[in-house]
Protein backbone atom coordinates (compact mmCIF):
# COMPACT_ATOMS: atom_id res chain seq x y z
CA MET A 1 19.01 -53.15 -50.55
CA SER A 2 15.80 -55.50 -50.84
CA GLY A 3 12.36 -55.39 -50.43
CA THR A 4 9.18 -54.98 -52.42
CA VAL A 5 8.18 -51.31 -54.02
CA LEU A 6 4.26 -50.91 -54.71
CA VAL A 7 3.42 -48.88 -57.59
CA THR A 8 -0.29 -47.71 -57.89
CA SER A 9 0.34 -44.62 -60.35
CA ARG A 10 -0.94 -45.39 -63.49
CA SER A 11 1.65 -43.20 -65.95
CA PHE A 12 4.72 -44.10 -63.49
CA GLY A 13 7.74 -45.61 -65.99
CA SER A 14 5.53 -44.79 -69.07
CA GLY A 15 7.34 -41.67 -70.43
CA ALA A 16 10.77 -41.41 -71.96
CA VAL A 17 12.71 -42.74 -69.00
CA PRO A 18 12.78 -46.75 -67.59
CA CYS A 19 12.13 -45.62 -63.70
CA ALA A 20 11.57 -48.88 -62.46
CA ASP A 21 14.74 -50.23 -64.08
CA GLU A 22 16.69 -48.37 -61.15
CA LEU A 23 14.84 -49.34 -58.68
CA THR A 24 15.33 -53.15 -59.73
CA ALA A 25 18.98 -52.69 -60.40
CA ALA A 26 19.09 -51.60 -56.38
CA GLY A 27 17.67 -55.09 -55.65
CA LEU A 28 13.89 -53.99 -55.18
CA ARG A 29 10.97 -55.90 -56.82
CA VAL A 30 8.40 -54.08 -58.64
CA VAL A 31 5.26 -54.99 -57.99
CA ARG A 32 2.02 -52.97 -59.70
CA GLY A 33 -1.72 -52.63 -57.72
CA SER A 34 -4.82 -51.39 -57.87
CA THR A 35 -4.65 -47.42 -59.12
CA VAL A 36 -7.93 -47.19 -57.31
CA HIS A 37 -6.41 -48.54 -53.97
CA ASP A 38 -8.99 -50.85 -53.72
CA PRO A 39 -7.89 -52.19 -49.88
CA ALA A 40 -8.71 -55.79 -50.94
CA GLU A 41 -6.76 -56.16 -54.41
CA LEU A 42 -3.80 -53.94 -52.26
CA ALA A 43 -3.72 -56.16 -49.21
CA GLY A 44 -1.33 -58.94 -50.58
CA PRO A 45 1.23 -56.24 -52.00
CA LEU A 46 0.62 -54.01 -49.08
CA ALA A 47 1.76 -56.92 -46.73
CA GLU A 48 5.21 -57.17 -48.24
CA ALA A 49 6.00 -53.28 -49.33
CA VAL A 50 8.87 -51.41 -48.22
CA ALA A 51 7.89 -48.57 -50.25
CA TRP A 52 4.92 -47.38 -52.09
CA ILE A 53 4.84 -45.04 -55.46
CA ALA A 54 1.31 -43.82 -55.21
CA GLY A 55 -1.32 -42.02 -57.45
CA THR A 56 -3.92 -39.42 -56.58
CA ALA A 57 -6.35 -42.28 -54.74
CA PRO A 58 -6.84 -41.98 -50.73
CA ILE A 59 -4.41 -43.77 -48.73
CA THR A 60 -5.79 -44.52 -45.64
CA ASP A 61 -5.00 -45.36 -42.19
CA GLU A 62 -6.91 -48.78 -43.24
CA HIS A 63 -4.22 -49.54 -46.15
CA LEU A 64 -1.13 -48.48 -43.55
CA ALA A 65 -2.00 -50.68 -40.90
CA ALA A 66 -2.02 -53.58 -43.77
CA ALA A 67 1.61 -52.38 -44.25
CA PRO A 68 3.89 -53.12 -41.54
CA ARG A 69 7.04 -52.71 -43.80
CA LEU A 70 6.24 -49.64 -45.21
CA LYS A 71 8.90 -47.13 -44.99
CA VAL A 72 7.96 -44.58 -47.15
CA ILE A 73 4.78 -43.34 -49.50
CA ALA A 74 6.12 -41.42 -52.67
CA ARG A 75 3.43 -39.40 -54.03
CA TYR A 76 3.85 -39.68 -57.53
CA GLY A 77 2.80 -35.94 -58.36
CA VAL A 78 2.21 -32.96 -56.08
CA GLY A 79 -0.79 -32.80 -54.05
CA VAL A 80 -0.85 -34.90 -50.76
CA ASP A 81 -4.66 -34.23 -49.24
CA SER A 82 -5.61 -37.73 -50.29
CA VAL A 83 -2.67 -39.04 -47.94
CA ASP A 84 -3.28 -39.64 -44.07
CA LEU A 85 -0.55 -37.93 -43.03
CA ALA A 86 -1.45 -38.11 -39.62
CA ALA A 87 -1.41 -42.02 -39.79
CA ALA A 88 1.56 -42.44 -41.63
CA ALA A 89 3.62 -39.83 -39.05
CA ARG A 90 2.11 -42.37 -36.36
CA ARG A 91 3.65 -45.31 -37.96
CA GLY A 92 6.98 -43.70 -38.72
CA ILE A 93 6.32 -43.75 -42.13
CA THR A 94 7.87 -40.59 -44.41
CA VAL A 95 5.87 -38.87 -47.33
CA THR A 96 7.16 -37.23 -50.16
CA ASN A 97 6.23 -35.73 -53.17
CA THR A 98 7.39 -34.46 -56.63
CA PRO A 99 6.84 -30.60 -56.46
CA GLY A 100 7.54 -28.73 -59.74
CA ALA A 101 7.21 -31.86 -61.49
CA ASN A 102 4.66 -31.47 -63.29
CA SER A 103 3.99 -27.29 -63.09
CA GLU A 104 4.89 -26.36 -66.31
CA ALA A 105 2.67 -29.31 -68.31
CA VAL A 106 -0.37 -28.27 -65.97
CA ALA A 107 0.03 -24.11 -67.13
CA ASP A 108 0.06 -25.48 -70.35
CA LEU A 109 -3.12 -27.57 -70.08
CA THR A 110 -4.82 -24.27 -68.26
CA ILE A 111 -3.94 -22.10 -71.06
CA ALA A 112 -5.39 -24.83 -73.33
CA LEU A 113 -8.40 -25.52 -71.93
CA LEU A 114 -9.02 -21.26 -71.36
CA LEU A 115 -8.74 -20.85 -75.39
CA ALA A 116 -10.67 -24.16 -75.93
CA ALA A 117 -13.75 -22.61 -73.70
CA LEU A 118 -13.28 -19.01 -75.25
CA ARG A 119 -13.45 -20.25 -78.74
CA GLY A 120 -15.80 -23.13 -78.80
CA VAL A 121 -13.26 -25.61 -79.71
CA ALA A 122 -14.70 -28.98 -78.70
CA ALA A 123 -18.37 -27.78 -79.46
CA GLY A 124 -16.95 -26.67 -82.79
CA ASP A 125 -15.58 -30.26 -83.49
CA ARG A 126 -18.42 -31.95 -82.51
CA ALA A 127 -20.45 -29.57 -84.70
CA VAL A 128 -18.32 -30.08 -88.00
CA ARG A 129 -18.47 -34.02 -87.51
CA ALA A 130 -22.19 -33.73 -87.22
CA GLY A 131 -22.31 -31.69 -90.66
CA SER A 132 -22.67 -28.48 -89.85
CA TRP A 133 -20.38 -25.47 -90.10
CA ARG A 134 -22.09 -22.85 -88.25
CA THR A 135 -19.89 -20.59 -86.43
CA ARG A 136 -19.98 -19.30 -82.50
CA ARG A 137 -18.08 -15.84 -82.29
CA GLY A 138 -15.41 -16.35 -79.33
CA ARG A 139 -13.41 -13.68 -77.83
CA GLU A 140 -9.20 -12.99 -77.76
CA LEU A 141 -7.24 -13.72 -74.78
CA GLY A 142 -4.99 -10.94 -75.24
CA THR A 143 -8.00 -8.55 -74.61
CA LEU A 144 -9.32 -10.31 -71.64
CA VAL A 145 -8.56 -9.49 -67.74
CA LEU A 146 -7.47 -12.73 -66.24
CA GLY A 147 -7.76 -13.57 -62.68
CA VAL A 148 -5.30 -16.10 -60.95
CA ALA A 149 -6.45 -18.01 -57.57
CA GLY A 150 -3.01 -19.12 -56.54
CA LEU A 151 0.11 -18.32 -57.26
CA GLY A 152 2.65 -21.25 -56.75
CA ARG A 153 4.46 -23.16 -59.35
CA ILE A 154 1.51 -23.46 -61.80
CA GLY A 155 -0.33 -19.95 -61.17
CA ARG A 156 3.00 -18.70 -62.23
CA GLY A 157 3.41 -20.49 -64.87
CA VAL A 158 -0.24 -19.29 -66.09
CA VAL A 159 1.01 -15.85 -65.78
CA ARG A 160 4.09 -16.01 -67.74
CA ARG A 161 1.96 -17.55 -70.15
CA ALA A 162 -1.28 -15.23 -70.23
CA ARG A 163 1.25 -11.98 -70.53
CA GLY A 164 2.69 -13.68 -73.43
CA PHE A 165 -0.46 -13.27 -74.96
CA GLY A 166 -0.74 -9.56 -73.72
CA THR A 167 -3.69 -10.20 -71.14
CA ARG A 168 -4.23 -8.24 -67.95
CA VAL A 169 -3.72 -10.24 -65.27
CA LEU A 170 -4.54 -9.99 -61.25
CA GLY A 171 -3.74 -12.63 -58.77
CA HIS A 172 -5.14 -13.97 -55.49
CA ASP A 173 -2.79 -15.51 -53.37
CA PRO A 174 -3.40 -14.97 -49.40
CA HIS A 175 -0.20 -16.41 -48.48
CA LEU A 176 2.22 -14.66 -50.60
CA ASP A 177 3.85 -11.61 -49.60
CA PRO A 178 3.18 -8.33 -51.71
CA VAL A 179 6.80 -8.27 -53.03
CA VAL A 180 6.15 -11.38 -55.13
CA PHE A 181 3.40 -9.78 -56.67
CA GLU A 182 5.41 -6.84 -57.70
CA VAL A 183 8.14 -9.31 -58.98
CA LEU A 184 5.50 -11.40 -61.37
CA GLY A 185 3.83 -8.17 -62.10
CA VAL A 186 0.33 -9.11 -61.24
CA ARG A 187 -2.11 -6.73 -59.32
CA SER A 188 -3.22 -8.35 -55.96
CA ALA A 189 -6.63 -8.81 -55.68
CA GLY A 190 -9.00 -10.65 -53.17
CA LEU A 191 -11.80 -13.07 -54.67
CA THR A 192 -14.29 -10.55 -54.66
CA GLU A 193 -12.30 -8.02 -56.94
CA LEU A 194 -11.88 -11.29 -59.34
CA ALA A 195 -15.74 -11.76 -59.52
CA ALA A 196 -16.28 -8.06 -60.45
CA GLU A 197 -13.00 -7.57 -62.61
CA CYS A 198 -12.50 -10.64 -64.78
CA ASP A 199 -13.51 -12.26 -67.73
CA ALA A 200 -11.98 -15.52 -66.94
CA VAL A 201 -10.40 -16.97 -63.39
CA THR A 202 -8.11 -19.97 -63.34
CA LEU A 203 -7.79 -22.07 -60.00
CA HIS A 204 -4.47 -23.21 -58.45
CA ALA A 205 -5.40 -23.45 -54.86
CA PRO A 206 -5.23 -26.38 -52.69
CA GLY A 207 -7.79 -28.71 -52.19
CA GLY A 208 -10.20 -28.50 -49.00
CA GLN A 209 -11.77 -25.36 -49.53
CA GLN A 210 -14.46 -23.85 -51.77
CA LEU A 211 -13.48 -20.65 -53.91
CA VAL A 212 -16.21 -20.74 -56.43
CA ASP A 213 -19.76 -20.96 -54.53
CA ARG A 214 -23.03 -20.06 -55.40
CA ALA A 215 -23.02 -16.83 -53.55
CA TRP A 216 -19.42 -16.11 -55.04
CA LEU A 217 -21.04 -16.60 -58.75
CA GLU A 218 -23.78 -14.38 -57.87
CA SER A 219 -21.30 -11.63 -58.00
CA VAL A 220 -19.13 -12.70 -61.23
CA LYS A 221 -19.35 -10.35 -64.08
CA PRO A 222 -21.63 -12.03 -66.49
CA GLY A 223 -19.93 -14.15 -69.50
CA LEU A 224 -16.90 -15.40 -66.72
CA ILE A 225 -15.27 -18.34 -67.78
CA VAL A 226 -13.91 -20.35 -65.24
CA VAL A 227 -10.76 -22.84 -65.72
CA ASN A 228 -10.39 -25.33 -62.85
CA THR A 229 -6.80 -27.78 -63.13
CA ALA A 230 -6.41 -27.94 -59.32
CA ARG A 231 -9.26 -29.65 -56.99
CA ALA A 232 -12.86 -30.70 -57.72
CA ASP A 233 -13.73 -29.63 -54.35
CA LEU A 234 -13.01 -25.94 -54.90
CA VAL A 235 -15.95 -25.40 -56.95
CA ASP A 236 -19.58 -26.21 -56.10
CA GLU A 237 -20.17 -28.41 -59.13
CA GLN A 238 -24.21 -27.50 -58.91
CA ALA A 239 -23.79 -24.11 -58.44
CA VAL A 240 -21.41 -23.90 -61.56
CA ALA A 241 -24.25 -25.98 -63.73
CA ASP A 242 -26.80 -23.35 -62.40
CA ALA A 243 -24.99 -20.46 -63.33
CA LEU A 244 -23.81 -21.78 -67.14
CA ARG A 245 -27.68 -22.72 -67.61
CA SER A 246 -28.51 -19.07 -66.62
CA GLY A 247 -25.83 -17.50 -68.51
CA GLN A 248 -23.72 -15.99 -65.43
CA LEU A 249 -21.10 -18.41 -66.57
CA ALA A 250 -20.17 -18.16 -70.45
CA ALA A 251 -18.36 -21.82 -70.05
CA TYR A 252 -16.30 -24.13 -67.46
CA ALA A 253 -13.26 -26.23 -68.26
CA ALA A 254 -11.71 -28.35 -65.85
CA ASP A 255 -9.39 -31.10 -65.64
CA THR A 256 -10.99 -32.94 -62.17
CA LEU A 257 -14.82 -33.40 -61.52
CA ALA A 258 -16.13 -34.67 -58.12
CA GLY A 259 -16.18 -38.05 -57.17
CA GLU A 260 -13.95 -38.95 -60.48
CA ALA A 261 -11.87 -41.74 -58.63
CA ALA A 262 -15.04 -43.48 -57.53
CA GLY A 263 -16.75 -42.78 -61.13
CA GLY A 264 -19.79 -40.69 -59.68
CA ALA A 265 -21.55 -38.72 -61.84
CA SER A 266 -21.49 -34.64 -62.00
CA PRO A 267 -23.85 -32.10 -63.04
CA LEU A 268 -21.71 -30.77 -65.08
CA LEU A 269 -21.85 -34.11 -67.39
CA ALA A 270 -25.55 -33.08 -68.11
CA ALA A 271 -26.21 -33.27 -72.08
CA ASP A 272 -27.35 -29.48 -72.15
CA LEU A 273 -24.04 -28.35 -70.72
CA SER A 274 -22.08 -30.13 -73.45
CA ASP A 275 -21.17 -27.08 -75.46
CA ARG A 276 -20.65 -24.85 -72.31
CA VAL A 277 -18.13 -27.44 -70.46
CA VAL A 278 -14.95 -28.68 -71.51
CA LEU A 279 -13.39 -31.50 -69.82
CA THR A 280 -9.96 -33.46 -69.81
CA PRO A 281 -9.49 -37.05 -67.85
CA HIS A 282 -7.18 -35.69 -65.33
CA ALA A 283 -4.42 -35.24 -68.21
CA GLY A 284 -2.35 -32.06 -66.47
CA ALA A 285 0.39 -33.94 -65.66
CA GLN A 286 0.29 -36.25 -68.75
CA THR A 287 3.58 -35.16 -70.38
CA VAL A 288 6.45 -37.17 -71.35
CA GLU A 289 8.82 -34.95 -69.82
CA ALA A 290 6.59 -34.37 -66.31
CA VAL A 291 6.06 -38.20 -66.28
CA ASP A 292 9.65 -38.32 -66.42
CA ARG A 293 10.39 -35.78 -63.63
CA MET A 294 7.70 -37.14 -61.26
CA GLY A 295 8.61 -40.71 -61.83
CA THR A 296 12.66 -40.04 -61.33
CA GLY A 297 11.42 -37.77 -58.31
CA ALA A 298 9.63 -40.52 -56.73
CA VAL A 299 12.24 -43.23 -57.40
CA ARG A 300 14.88 -40.97 -55.73
CA ALA A 301 12.61 -40.79 -53.18
CA VAL A 302 12.16 -44.48 -52.36
CA LEU A 303 15.89 -45.13 -52.74
CA ASP A 304 17.05 -42.24 -50.22
CA VAL A 305 14.40 -43.64 -47.73
CA ILE A 306 15.59 -47.04 -47.87
CA SER A 307 19.17 -46.29 -47.90
CA GLY A 308 18.75 -44.17 -44.80
CA ARG A 309 18.98 -40.86 -46.61
CA THR A 310 16.83 -37.95 -46.01
CA PRO A 311 14.40 -37.45 -49.09
CA GLU A 312 14.45 -34.08 -51.15
CA ASN A 313 10.96 -33.54 -50.49
CA PRO A 314 9.65 -34.95 -47.27
CA VAL A 315 5.78 -33.79 -46.51
CA LEU A 316 5.38 -32.62 -42.91
CA ILE A 317 1.97 -33.47 -41.12
CA GLU A 318 0.40 -29.74 -41.61
CA GLU A 319 1.64 -29.49 -45.05
CA ARG A 320 -1.28 -29.37 -47.72
CA THR A 321 0.11 -28.49 -51.20
CA ALA A 322 -1.55 -27.51 -54.60
């Protein structure tokens, strides 16, 4: 086995498992490239690459046109909405992902962000460092009604964790069989019901749709908390900022912002919202365990495709995973 494997994921191989060693042992050369997928910077590596272990930045037809030897794009993670699947299919390039590898890590962070928003953890830390010990009264998670929008692996993980606090949970997922809601012990609800009944809503749906828009925010129970550890385009960020200023929303916590890959500004970064907005730098999958699972899954996919075997998790052109 020979050829070059291009790696553009920041955290690949940074866990406890030396994933790149398995590729090298198989006779492949591992080359690191631009994590934002700048076409000019990647032109050289792509010309030689037979495999691409990619992060979350866009993969376009322009990239693929520069990669005549490419056989597989192994998405280091779950979502594939940044990959031009049609262009890959036209060129006979297999696309894979690592479903489930980071689900527990993201579910953990969702609860962490929810608790931080409920108790004003980030604002409290800043206040103490500035010399103020004035407290802000919060709420207990176990007394709330939580809406979980999207009941895939991550959403179900959030349900399990929330129920451990004694929280009542409503679930929204139009693609699920009603039996699944019964098994989870969750009441099925529409987005309008989540708005009217919930004290907090967490988002775990695929990108390419907007769940939290201005109209929805106008209908929510005053003082709602929204947590987004999925995709930035699920929310209208300007509408969220306005709802925070009006008091319709009590807090917004997220692991993603619009334009993050390009360094774009978000209305949620405004200084006057700093006590009501809690942000993490796309850290949901960043645990040692998740990094190792994503890395070994991506390596396995690369070796399978190059060896002529069917990979465990091929992505079909019509798929859009959360």
